[in-house]
């Protein structure tokens, strides 16, 4: 990896976050920090010192509006990225990526896609109300993740990983995979965020997917200091953080204070396109 420090990445990520916030404010789109960015806002009033990314939640209606609005009105330095029939990002969510940088993750090194530094964006969906409908929703969510991400999952356990490898061998056609995940996405998102009593993560870790939250926890925001800027977090952030991380104010052991991303190459001063055929897109992806 080129000489790139966590501080360098954080500076770029902060600028992307501020541009994103300005865009969402202008277009009345709801969003809130999640993941390490949320913990950082509450515990450090900014980035977790060793963290190297930012994750965003958006209610599903706003998440889908973003897909329509950003290509038309978004800052041209940053590209909206999300897996389609032809472009596979090996991430089930969306992202805004900096065209003038290079940040190549191991799972997408073979793909001819935008490899700029990313602000990751994930939807929050309405939660199915009954036990059977909820089980079906989770089934469709896992099907979506499997065929949309098209890579062996790191965060859903060894059994799911082994099953995924077997299924990829059976459904090797990209066209069939596309139609499966599109159908699964429609089924899992049929419960409207704004009218459901509860909401849920349908993209991410298995633990997060199984949790259900009162919708009022996500229906409005409070603002927290993040690197000197007021950034929205979900109203129910305390309950959410306790469910996911327990005592989130407690620092992890020293040996765990490392960045989580699996980047194989980074250069924040050079557009990723200059490295095509050198550090990425050297051969066809094989999930």
Protein backbone atom coordinates (compact mmCIF):
# COMPACT_ATOMS: atom_id res chain seq x y z
CA UNK A 1 0.00 0.00 0.00
CA UNK A 2 1.21 3.51 -0.76
CA UNK A 3 2.10 5.76 2.17
CA UNK A 4 -1.37 6.51 3.54
CA UNK A 5 -2.10 7.12 7.21
CA UNK A 6 -5.38 6.86 9.10
CA UNK A 7 -5.21 10.65 9.55
CA UNK A 8 -4.96 11.15 5.77
CA UNK A 9 -7.98 8.92 5.19
CA UNK A 10 -9.99 10.60 7.94
CA UNK A 11 -9.37 14.04 6.45
CA UNK A 12 -10.73 12.88 3.09
CA UNK A 13 -13.66 11.07 4.70
CA UNK A 14 -14.59 14.15 6.73
CA UNK A 15 -14.69 16.30 3.62
CA UNK A 16 -16.90 13.72 1.89
CA UNK A 17 -19.21 13.64 4.91
CA UNK A 18 -19.60 17.42 4.91
CA UNK A 19 -20.33 17.48 1.16
CA UNK A 20 -22.82 14.66 1.66
CA UNK A 21 -24.52 16.47 4.56
CA UNK A 22 -24.85 19.66 2.51
CA UNK A 23 -26.45 17.67 -0.32
CA UNK A 24 -28.87 15.86 1.99
CA UNK A 25 -29.86 19.11 3.70
CA UNK A 26 -30.54 20.72 0.31
CA UNK A 27 -32.70 17.80 -0.84
CA UNK A 28 -34.41 17.00 2.48
CA UNK A 29 -32.86 13.56 2.78
CA UNK A 30 -32.55 11.91 6.20
CA UNK A 31 -29.31 10.25 7.26
CA UNK A 32 -27.36 9.43 10.40
CA UNK A 33 -23.92 8.18 11.32
CA UNK A 34 -23.65 4.51 12.17
CA UNK A 35 -20.91 2.00 12.94
CA UNK A 36 -17.55 3.33 14.05
CA UNK A 37 -18.49 6.86 13.03
CA UNK A 38 -21.40 6.83 15.50
CA UNK A 39 -19.25 5.46 18.31
CA UNK A 40 -16.62 8.05 17.44
CA UNK A 41 -19.15 10.88 17.60
CA UNK A 42 -20.37 9.82 21.04
CA UNK A 43 -17.10 8.62 22.60
CA UNK A 44 -14.47 10.80 20.87
CA UNK A 45 -16.48 13.69 19.39
CA UNK A 46 -14.97 12.68 16.06
CA UNK A 47 -13.24 9.73 14.48
CA UNK A 48 -12.17 6.74 16.51
CA UNK A 49 -8.41 7.44 16.35
CA UNK A 50 -7.52 4.21 14.51
CA UNK A 51 -10.61 4.06 12.28
CA UNK A 52 -10.33 4.52 8.50
CA UNK A 53 -13.90 4.77 7.24
CA UNK A 54 -17.34 6.28 7.79
CA UNK A 55 -20.68 4.52 7.52
CA UNK A 56 -24.07 6.14 7.01
CA UNK A 57 -27.63 4.91 7.58
CA UNK A 58 -30.53 6.25 5.54
CA UNK A 59 -34.22 5.31 5.80
CA UNK A 60 -35.10 3.29 2.70
CA UNK A 61 -37.19 6.07 1.03
CA UNK A 62 -34.27 8.51 1.33
CA UNK A 63 -31.76 5.84 0.30
CA UNK A 64 -33.65 5.29 -2.96
CA UNK A 65 -34.09 9.02 -3.58
CA UNK A 66 -30.33 9.47 -3.18
CA UNK A 67 -29.79 7.00 -6.04
CA UNK A 68 -31.92 9.22 -8.29
CA UNK A 69 -30.70 12.63 -7.14
CA UNK A 70 -26.95 12.27 -6.68
CA UNK A 71 -26.10 11.49 -10.35
CA UNK A 72 -28.06 14.62 -11.33
CA UNK A 73 -27.11 17.12 -8.64
CA UNK A 74 -24.27 15.65 -6.59
CA UNK A 75 -20.72 16.98 -6.40
CA UNK A 76 -18.99 15.69 -9.56
CA UNK A 77 -15.85 14.83 -7.61
CA UNK A 78 -17.79 12.00 -6.02
CA UNK A 79 -19.52 9.15 -7.83
CA UNK A 80 -22.61 7.31 -6.59
CA UNK A 81 -21.82 3.59 -6.63
CA UNK A 82 -24.14 0.63 -6.16
CA UNK A 83 -24.18 -2.83 -7.67
CA UNK A 84 -26.19 -3.12 -10.88
CA UNK A 85 -26.55 -5.79 -13.52
CA UNK A 86 -23.24 -4.71 -15.09
CA UNK A 87 -21.22 -3.25 -12.22
CA UNK A 88 -20.49 -5.43 -9.17
CA UNK A 89 -19.09 -3.73 -6.07
CA UNK A 90 -19.18 -6.80 -3.81
CA UNK A 91 -20.91 -4.70 -1.14
CA UNK A 92 -24.65 -4.90 -0.58
CA UNK A 93 -25.04 -1.20 0.17
CA UNK A 94 -24.27 1.97 -1.77
CA UNK A 95 -21.40 4.42 -1.53
CA UNK A 96 -20.16 7.83 -2.58
CA UNK A 97 -16.60 7.49 -3.90
CA UNK A 98 -13.88 10.04 -4.48
CA UNK A 99 -12.85 9.87 -8.17
CA UNK A 100 -9.50 11.55 -7.46
CA UNK A 101 -8.26 8.90 -5.03
CA UNK A 102 -7.40 5.19 -5.05
CA UNK A 103 -8.51 2.77 -2.34
CA UNK A 104 -8.69 -0.81 -3.61
CA UNK A 105 -10.28 -3.42 -1.37
CA UNK A 106 -9.22 -7.05 -1.65
CA UNK A 107 -12.73 -8.29 -2.42
CA UNK A 108 -13.08 -6.06 -5.51
CA UNK A 109 -9.53 -6.02 -6.84
CA UNK A 110 -10.55 -7.85 -10.02
CA UNK A 111 -13.43 -5.51 -10.90
CA UNK A 112 -13.37 -2.60 -13.34
CA UNK A 113 -15.35 -0.27 -11.08
CA UNK A 114 -14.75 2.99 -9.22
CA UNK A 115 -12.00 2.31 -6.68
CA UNK A 116 -12.00 5.71 -5.01
CA UNK A 117 -12.17 6.19 -1.24
CA UNK A 118 -15.76 5.50 -0.16
CA UNK A 119 -18.36 6.90 2.19
CA UNK A 120 -20.46 3.78 2.80
CA UNK A 121 -24.27 4.11 2.84
CA UNK A 122 -26.75 1.49 4.06
CA UNK A 123 -30.55 1.52 4.25
CA UNK A 124 -32.80 1.11 7.26
CA UNK A 125 -36.02 -0.68 6.35
CA UNK A 126 -39.45 -1.23 7.79
CA UNK A 127 -39.54 -4.43 9.86
CA UNK A 128 -42.02 -7.20 9.07
CA UNK A 129 -44.62 -7.30 11.88
CA UNK A 130 -45.26 -11.02 12.48
CA UNK A 131 -42.94 -13.93 13.29
CA UNK A 132 -43.47 -15.74 9.99
CA UNK A 133 -43.28 -12.58 7.88
CA UNK A 134 -40.13 -11.57 9.79
CA UNK A 135 -38.47 -14.93 9.13
CA UNK A 136 -39.31 -14.57 5.46
CA UNK A 137 -37.94 -11.04 5.43
CA UNK A 138 -34.65 -12.27 6.89
CA UNK A 139 -34.55 -15.11 4.37
CA UNK A 140 -34.96 -12.64 1.51
CA UNK A 141 -32.38 -10.31 3.06
CA UNK A 142 -29.79 -13.09 3.23
CA UNK A 143 -30.62 -14.12 -0.33
CA UNK A 144 -30.17 -10.53 -1.45
CA UNK A 145 -26.83 -10.19 0.34
CA UNK A 146 -25.58 -13.48 -1.11
CA UNK A 147 -26.38 -12.73 -4.74
CA UNK A 148 -25.86 -8.96 -4.69
CA UNK A 149 -22.47 -8.89 -2.94
CA UNK A 150 -21.31 -12.00 -4.84
CA UNK A 151 -18.46 -12.77 -2.49
CA UNK A 152 -17.99 -15.15 0.38
CA UNK A 153 -19.21 -13.29 3.49
CA UNK A 154 -16.81 -12.43 6.30
CA UNK A 155 -19.37 -11.55 8.99
CA UNK A 156 -22.07 -14.23 8.89
CA UNK A 157 -20.25 -17.26 10.26
CA UNK A 158 -18.50 -20.33 8.77
CA UNK A 159 -21.72 -22.25 8.03
CA UNK A 160 -23.17 -19.44 5.94
CA UNK A 161 -19.80 -18.99 4.24
CA UNK A 162 -19.60 -22.67 3.27
CA UNK A 163 -23.19 -22.63 2.02
CA UNK A 164 -22.47 -19.48 0.01
CA UNK A 165 -19.54 -21.11 -1.77
CA UNK A 166 -21.71 -24.08 -2.73
CA UNK A 167 -24.53 -21.85 -4.00
CA UNK A 168 -22.15 -19.75 -6.11
CA UNK A 169 -21.06 -22.90 -7.91
CA UNK A 170 -24.67 -23.80 -8.71
CA UNK A 171 -25.74 -20.28 -9.77
CA UNK A 172 -22.67 -19.25 -11.74
CA UNK A 173 -24.53 -17.11 -14.31
CA UNK A 174 -24.29 -13.36 -13.64
CA UNK A 175 -27.68 -12.84 -15.26
CA UNK A 176 -29.38 -15.37 -12.98
CA UNK A 177 -27.70 -13.88 -9.91
CA UNK A 178 -28.93 -10.43 -10.90
CA UNK A 179 -32.55 -11.55 -11.27
CA UNK A 180 -32.42 -13.40 -7.94
CA UNK A 181 -31.14 -10.44 -5.95
CA UNK A 182 -33.54 -8.00 -7.62
CA UNK A 183 -36.48 -10.23 -6.68
CA UNK A 184 -35.17 -10.73 -3.13
CA UNK A 185 -34.69 -6.97 -2.72
CA UNK A 186 -38.31 -6.30 -3.67
CA UNK A 187 -39.57 -8.89 -1.21
CA UNK A 188 -37.46 -7.81 1.75
CA UNK A 189 -38.28 -4.09 1.32
CA UNK A 190 -42.06 -4.41 1.05
CA UNK A 191 -42.62 -2.98 4.55
CA UNK A 192 -42.63 0.81 4.42
CA UNK A 193 -40.21 2.51 6.81
CA UNK A 194 -42.48 5.47 7.54
CA UNK A 195 -45.55 3.40 8.48
CA UNK A 196 -43.95 0.41 10.22
CA UNK A 197 -43.89 0.18 14.02
CA UNK A 198 -40.33 -1.15 13.94
CA UNK A 199 -37.34 -0.87 11.65
CA UNK A 200 -34.37 -3.08 10.93
CA UNK A 201 -31.01 -3.41 9.18
CA UNK A 202 -31.25 -5.78 6.25
CA UNK A 203 -27.70 -5.19 5.05
CA UNK A 204 -24.69 -5.88 7.22
CA UNK A 205 -23.79 -8.36 9.94
CA UNK A 206 -26.10 -11.21 10.85
CA UNK A 207 -26.37 -9.80 14.38
CA UNK A 208 -27.53 -6.45 13.04
CA UNK A 209 -29.97 -8.07 10.64
CA UNK A 210 -31.71 -9.98 13.43
CA UNK A 211 -32.30 -6.90 15.58
CA UNK A 212 -35.53 -4.89 15.41
CA UNK A 213 -35.73 -1.31 16.63
CA UNK A 214 -38.61 1.01 17.53
CA UNK A 215 -39.09 3.18 14.45
CA UNK A 216 -39.18 6.31 16.62
CA UNK A 217 -35.51 5.67 17.42
CA UNK A 218 -34.73 6.35 13.74
CA UNK A 219 -37.61 8.66 12.78
CA UNK A 220 -35.78 11.78 13.94
CA UNK A 221 -32.22 12.87 14.67
CA UNK A 222 -30.14 14.66 17.24
CA UNK A 223 -26.92 16.44 16.36
CA UNK A 224 -23.56 15.52 17.84
CA UNK A 225 -20.16 17.15 17.57
CA UNK A 226 -17.99 15.35 15.04
CA UNK A 227 -14.56 16.88 14.39
CA UNK A 228 -15.99 20.33 15.12
CA UNK A 229 -19.13 19.90 13.00
CA UNK A 230 -22.71 19.13 14.01
CA UNK A 231 -23.62 15.81 12.37
CA UNK A 232 -26.94 13.95 12.74
CA UNK A 233 -27.25 10.67 14.60
CA UNK A 234 -30.44 8.68 15.19
CA UNK A 235 -32.52 9.81 18.16
CA UNK A 236 -32.27 6.35 19.74
CA UNK A 237 -28.50 6.07 19.35
CA UNK A 238 -27.93 4.97 22.96
CA UNK A 239 -30.24 1.96 22.69
CA UNK A 240 -28.84 1.07 19.27
CA UNK A 241 -25.22 1.20 20.42
CA UNK A 242 -25.92 -0.89 23.52
CA UNK A 243 -27.63 -3.58 21.42
CA UNK A 244 -24.76 -3.78 18.94
CA UNK A 245 -21.68 -3.18 21.10
CA UNK A 246 -22.72 -3.36 24.74
CA UNK A 247 -20.57 -0.88 26.72
CA UNK A 248 -19.67 1.27 23.72
CA UNK A 249 -17.92 3.86 25.88
CA UNK A 250 -15.30 1.31 26.92
CA UNK A 251 -12.18 1.32 24.75
CA UNK A 252 -11.32 -2.07 23.18
CA UNK A 253 -8.07 -3.86 24.08
CA UNK A 254 -4.98 -2.28 22.52
CA UNK A 255 -4.50 -5.18 20.10
CA UNK A 256 -7.97 -4.53 18.64
CA UNK A 257 -7.36 -0.86 17.95
CA UNK A 258 -6.69 -1.34 14.26
CA UNK A 259 -8.45 -0.40 11.03
CA UNK A 260 -10.96 -2.97 9.79
CA UNK A 261 -10.69 -2.52 6.04
CA UNK A 262 -8.83 -5.02 3.91
CA UNK A 263 -7.30 -2.63 1.38
CA UNK A 264 -4.57 -3.96 -0.90
CA UNK A 265 -3.53 -0.59 -2.28
CA UNK A 266 -4.24 3.05 -1.46
CA UNK A 267 -3.07 6.34 -2.94
CA UNK A 268 -5.09 9.38 -1.91
CA UNK A 269 -3.30 11.67 -4.37
CA UNK A 270 -3.84 9.72 -7.59
CA UNK A 271 -7.10 8.90 -9.43
CA UNK A 272 -7.83 5.19 -9.33
CA UNK A 273 -8.11 5.01 -13.15
CA UNK A 274 -4.35 5.42 -13.44
CA UNK A 275 -3.91 2.05 -11.76
CA UNK A 276 -6.21 0.03 -14.02
CA UNK A 277 -4.46 -3.16 -15.11
CA UNK A 278 -1.76 -2.54 -12.51
CA UNK A 279 -3.52 -2.83 -9.15
CA UNK A 280 -7.05 -3.75 -10.26
CA UNK A 281 -9.05 -5.24 -13.16
CA UNK A 282 -6.22 -7.57 -14.11
CA UNK A 283 -8.55 -10.52 -14.63
CA UNK A 284 -12.22 -11.55 -14.34
CA UNK A 285 -13.63 -11.68 -10.81
CA UNK A 286 -14.25 -15.16 -9.45
CA UNK A 287 -16.48 -15.03 -6.33
